[in-house]
Amino acid sequence: MLLIASLVGAILGAVGAAANKVKTWDEFLLWVIGGTIGGVLAVLAWTGIIWALFEVESSVAISLILFGTAGLLGAVVAPLLDNTDGPVAWLCSFVIKWVQSPLLTTVGLVATLIVTVAGREVDFRRGMLFIAVGPGGGALTLGAVAWTRSGCFNPDGTVPDNLARHESTHSRTVAAIGELGFYLSYVTIGALWGSAQGGSWNDLNAAGCGNPFEKTAHTFTRYHDL
């Protein structure tokens, strides 16, 4: 079953890369590798959760179906939803990403509540939340929430659309291959690959070399982020 999960994840990675119009071969390959890893880890994680809650004997099969269905929606439907100008479509995309990133997105929602109560900037755009977390510039996407420096916000409390599209690209990678597959691949294979190219582990240099997961996102903006 785990072999099937890895195959499903690899396919979702390829489909997601194509649907998101990935620009380079190395990023496309990293989506596939991340999907292979993500499929196995997500099914293991969901199996543990489902078994702990319900003690269902078919928890592995249920987990595979859950990951595969959410991943397919994340790979194919989320890009279509994010590229509209409709908050309802963005909300549907956010829910898909939440299923594929239950831990980090839930933590982000708790942080959103804290930031809102504190009276700091919060914006919802392109299927994800942007929350102000401190001075300076740059953003860090964790699941469907971007932890964003206050210098990235416009005076009216919104974020620039180019930044939203950049971070939303990362969130859709999570939606396709799962949070475990994306972040583990990002900080290991992607980081080493980026360094080997002469770029940064979490950014691109002036020649456009660096972590492959940043290459399509950086077609929208040059913000420094994860």
Protein backbone atom coordinates (compact mmCIF):
# COMPACT_ATOMS: atom_id res chain seq x y z
CA MET A 1 0.00 0.00 0.00
CA LEU A 2 2.87 2.38 0.74
CA LEU A 3 4.31 1.65 -2.69
CA ILE A 4 0.97 2.65 -4.18
CA ALA A 5 1.01 5.78 -2.01
CA SER A 6 4.45 6.76 -3.35
CA LEU A 7 3.25 6.22 -6.93
CA VAL A 8 0.10 8.26 -6.32
CA GLY A 9 2.20 11.02 -4.78
CA ALA A 10 4.60 11.06 -7.74
CA ILE A 11 1.70 11.33 -10.18
CA LEU A 12 0.13 14.14 -8.15
CA GLY A 13 3.47 15.94 -8.17
CA ALA A 14 3.72 15.71 -11.95
CA VAL A 15 0.10 16.76 -12.48
CA GLY A 16 0.45 19.62 -10.00
CA ALA A 17 3.65 20.86 -11.63
CA ALA A 18 1.98 20.85 -15.04
CA ALA A 19 -1.20 22.55 -13.79
CA ASN A 20 0.86 25.25 -12.08
CA LYS A 21 2.91 25.78 -15.25
CA VAL A 22 6.26 25.01 -13.64
CA LYS A 23 9.00 26.66 -15.69
CA THR A 24 12.09 24.47 -15.26
CA TRP A 25 12.89 20.77 -15.43
CA ASP A 26 14.56 20.71 -12.01
CA GLU A 27 11.50 22.16 -10.28
CA PHE A 28 9.24 19.72 -12.15
CA LEU A 29 11.41 16.83 -10.98
CA LEU A 30 11.42 18.12 -7.41
CA TRP A 31 7.60 18.23 -7.43
CA VAL A 32 7.63 14.54 -8.42
CA ILE A 33 10.22 13.62 -5.78
CA GLY A 34 8.34 15.60 -3.15
CA GLY A 35 5.12 13.87 -4.14
CA THR A 36 6.75 10.45 -3.81
CA ILE A 37 7.90 11.30 -0.29
CA GLY A 38 4.69 13.10 0.59
CA GLY A 39 2.45 10.24 -0.49
CA VAL A 40 4.13 7.79 1.87
CA LEU A 41 4.42 10.16 4.83
CA ALA A 42 0.89 11.55 4.48
CA VAL A 43 -0.67 8.10 4.32
CA LEU A 44 1.32 7.00 7.36
CA ALA A 45 0.29 10.13 9.27
CA TRP A 46 -3.40 9.91 8.35
CA THR A 47 -3.41 6.18 9.11
CA GLY A 48 -2.16 6.89 12.61
CA ILE A 49 -4.74 9.62 13.15
CA ILE A 50 -7.67 7.58 11.81
CA TRP A 51 -6.65 4.48 13.76
CA ALA A 52 -6.21 6.47 16.98
CA LEU A 53 -9.64 8.05 16.63
CA PHE A 54 -11.73 5.23 15.19
CA GLU A 55 -9.66 2.00 15.24
CA VAL A 56 -10.75 1.27 11.67
CA GLU A 57 -8.99 -1.75 10.12
CA SER A 58 -9.08 -0.17 6.66
CA SER A 59 -7.43 3.03 7.89
CA VAL A 60 -4.54 2.71 5.41
CA ALA A 61 -6.89 2.50 2.43
CA ILE A 62 -8.97 5.38 3.77
CA SER A 63 -5.82 7.46 4.25
CA LEU A 64 -4.70 6.77 0.69
CA ILE A 65 -8.08 7.77 -0.69
CA LEU A 66 -8.08 10.93 1.44
CA PHE A 67 -4.59 11.95 0.34
CA GLY A 68 -5.21 11.07 -3.31
CA THR A 69 -8.52 12.92 -3.54
CA ALA A 70 -7.31 16.04 -1.72
CA GLY A 71 -4.06 15.97 -3.69
CA LEU A 72 -5.86 15.75 -7.01
CA LEU A 73 -8.08 18.67 -6.06
CA GLY A 74 -5.02 20.58 -4.91
CA ALA A 75 -3.09 19.80 -8.07
CA VAL A 76 -5.83 20.54 -10.60
CA VAL A 77 -8.60 22.61 -9.00
CA ALA A 78 -6.67 24.86 -6.59
CA PRO A 79 -4.76 26.68 -9.39
CA LEU A 80 -8.05 27.44 -11.14
CA LEU A 81 -9.62 28.72 -7.92
CA ASP A 82 -6.62 30.83 -6.91
CA ASN A 83 -6.41 32.49 -10.31
CA THR A 84 -9.95 33.84 -10.07
CA ASP A 85 -10.87 37.12 -8.38
CA GLY A 86 -13.59 35.55 -6.21
CA PRO A 87 -13.30 35.22 -2.40
CA VAL A 88 -15.63 32.21 -2.46
CA ALA A 89 -13.33 30.39 -4.89
CA TRP A 90 -10.35 31.36 -2.74
CA LEU A 91 -12.10 29.95 0.33
CA CYS A 92 -12.69 26.61 -1.43
CA SER A 93 -9.00 26.53 -2.33
CA PHE A 94 -8.08 27.29 1.27
CA VAL A 95 -10.11 24.32 2.51
CA ILE A 96 -8.34 21.98 0.06
CA LYS A 97 -4.97 23.23 1.28
CA TRP A 98 -6.07 22.82 4.89
CA VAL A 99 -6.81 19.13 4.31
CA GLN A 100 -3.35 18.64 2.81
CA SER A 101 -1.72 20.73 5.53
CA PRO A 102 -3.74 20.09 8.69
CA LEU A 103 -0.95 20.82 11.15
CA LEU A 104 0.69 23.96 9.80
CA THR A 105 -2.54 25.55 8.56
CA THR A 106 -4.26 24.99 11.91
CA VAL A 107 -1.30 26.55 13.71
CA GLY A 108 -1.56 29.44 11.25
CA LEU A 109 -5.25 29.89 11.99
CA VAL A 110 -4.52 30.14 15.71
CA ALA A 111 -1.84 32.70 14.91
CA THR A 112 -4.33 34.58 12.72
CA LEU A 113 -6.71 34.90 15.67
CA ILE A 114 -3.92 36.26 17.85
CA VAL A 115 -2.79 38.72 15.17
CA THR A 116 -6.37 39.90 14.60
CA VAL A 117 -6.97 40.47 18.31
CA ALA A 118 -3.69 42.41 18.45
CA GLY A 119 -5.00 44.69 15.70
CA ARG A 120 -2.31 43.85 13.16
CA GLU A 121 -2.78 43.36 9.43
CA VAL A 122 -4.54 40.27 8.07
CA ASP A 123 -5.42 39.73 4.42
CA PHE A 124 -7.06 36.86 2.54
CA ARG A 125 -6.01 36.56 -1.08
CA ARG A 126 -5.37 33.85 -3.71
CA GLY A 127 -6.56 31.04 -1.44
CA MET A 128 -4.47 31.83 1.60
CA LEU A 129 -4.21 34.04 4.67
CA PHE A 130 -1.50 36.66 5.11
CA ILE A 131 -0.77 37.71 8.69
CA ALA A 132 1.60 40.45 9.87
CA VAL A 133 4.18 38.96 12.24
CA GLY A 134 6.84 41.65 12.63
CA PRO A 135 8.76 44.49 10.98
CA GLY A 136 10.77 44.21 7.79
CA GLY A 137 10.13 42.47 4.49
CA GLY A 138 9.61 38.91 3.31
CA ALA A 139 7.11 36.13 3.93
CA LEU A 140 7.10 32.50 5.02
CA THR A 141 4.35 30.21 3.72
CA LEU A 142 3.32 27.45 6.12
CA GLY A 143 0.41 25.48 4.72
CA ALA A 144 -2.27 27.94 3.63
CA VAL A 145 -1.03 30.79 5.83
CA ALA A 146 1.78 33.21 4.96
CA TRP A 147 3.58 34.64 7.99
CA THR A 148 4.32 38.04 6.47
CA ARG A 149 6.51 40.95 7.59
CA SER A 150 4.62 44.23 7.99
CA GLY A 151 6.73 45.92 5.31
CA CYS A 152 5.06 43.72 2.69
CA PHE A 153 1.59 45.12 3.40
CA ASN A 154 0.10 48.05 1.52
CA PRO A 155 -1.06 51.10 3.53
CA ASP A 156 -4.65 49.82 3.29
CA GLY A 157 -3.73 46.53 4.99
CA THR A 158 -3.70 44.36 1.86
CA VAL A 159 -0.74 42.54 0.35
CA PRO A 160 0.45 43.20 -3.23
CA ASP A 161 -1.09 40.73 -5.64
CA ASN A 162 2.32 39.67 -6.98
CA LEU A 163 3.37 38.64 -3.47
CA ALA A 164 0.07 36.82 -3.04
CA ARG A 165 0.63 34.90 -6.28
CA HIS A 166 4.17 34.02 -5.21
CA GLU A 167 3.17 32.62 -1.83
CA SER A 168 0.06 30.99 -3.26
CA THR A 169 2.30 29.03 -5.62
CA HIS A 170 4.04 27.50 -2.60
CA SER A 171 0.72 26.76 -0.93
CA ARG A 172 -0.47 24.91 -4.03
CA THR A 173 2.63 22.72 -3.96
CA VAL A 174 1.57 21.79 -0.43
CA ALA A 175 -1.98 21.20 -1.71
CA ALA A 176 -0.75 18.77 -4.35
CA ILE A 177 1.87 16.74 -2.46
CA GLY A 178 1.09 17.43 1.20
CA GLU A 179 2.89 19.45 3.84
CA LEU A 180 5.26 16.63 4.81
CA GLY A 181 6.32 16.01 1.22
CA PHE A 182 6.83 19.67 0.39
CA TYR A 183 8.69 20.92 3.45
CA LEU A 184 10.89 17.85 3.87
CA SER A 185 11.85 18.02 0.18
CA TYR A 186 12.33 21.79 0.38
CA VAL A 187 14.79 21.85 3.30
CA THR A 188 16.75 18.76 2.21
CA ILE A 189 16.84 17.98 -1.52
CA GLY A 190 15.75 21.44 -2.65
CA ALA A 191 18.19 23.22 -0.33
CA LEU A 192 21.14 21.05 -1.38
CA TRP A 193 20.16 21.37 -5.04
CA GLY A 194 19.96 25.14 -4.73
CA SER A 195 23.37 25.34 -3.07
CA ALA A 196 24.89 23.12 -5.76
CA GLN A 197 23.58 25.56 -8.38
CA GLY A 198 25.38 28.39 -6.61
CA GLY A 199 22.23 29.91 -5.15
CA SER A 200 20.65 30.08 -1.74
CA TRP A 201 18.94 27.17 -0.02
CA ASN A 202 15.66 29.16 0.11
CA ASP A 203 16.00 31.74 -2.64
CA LEU A 204 17.40 32.44 -6.11
CA ASN A 205 20.53 34.36 -7.05
CA ALA A 206 20.79 37.02 -9.75
CA ALA A 207 21.24 34.31 -12.38
CA GLY A 208 18.02 32.58 -11.31
CA CYS A 209 19.79 29.64 -9.65
CA GLY A 210 18.80 28.28 -6.26
CA ASN A 211 16.17 26.10 -4.62
CA PRO A 212 14.10 24.72 -7.54
CA PHE A 213 10.87 25.14 -5.57
CA GLU A 214 11.38 28.92 -5.81
CA LYS A 215 11.67 29.20 -9.57
CA THR A 216 8.03 29.42 -10.64
CA ALA A 217 7.07 31.47 -7.57
CA HIS A 218 9.77 34.01 -8.40
CA THR A 219 8.24 34.71 -11.79
CA PHE A 220 5.75 36.84 -9.84
CA THR A 221 8.07 38.62 -7.42
CA ARG A 222 11.57 38.68 -6.03
CA TYR A 223 10.57 38.70 -2.34
CA HIS A 224 12.91 36.71 -0.12
CA ASP A 225 10.95 33.91 1.53
CA LEU A 226 10.74 30.21 2.16
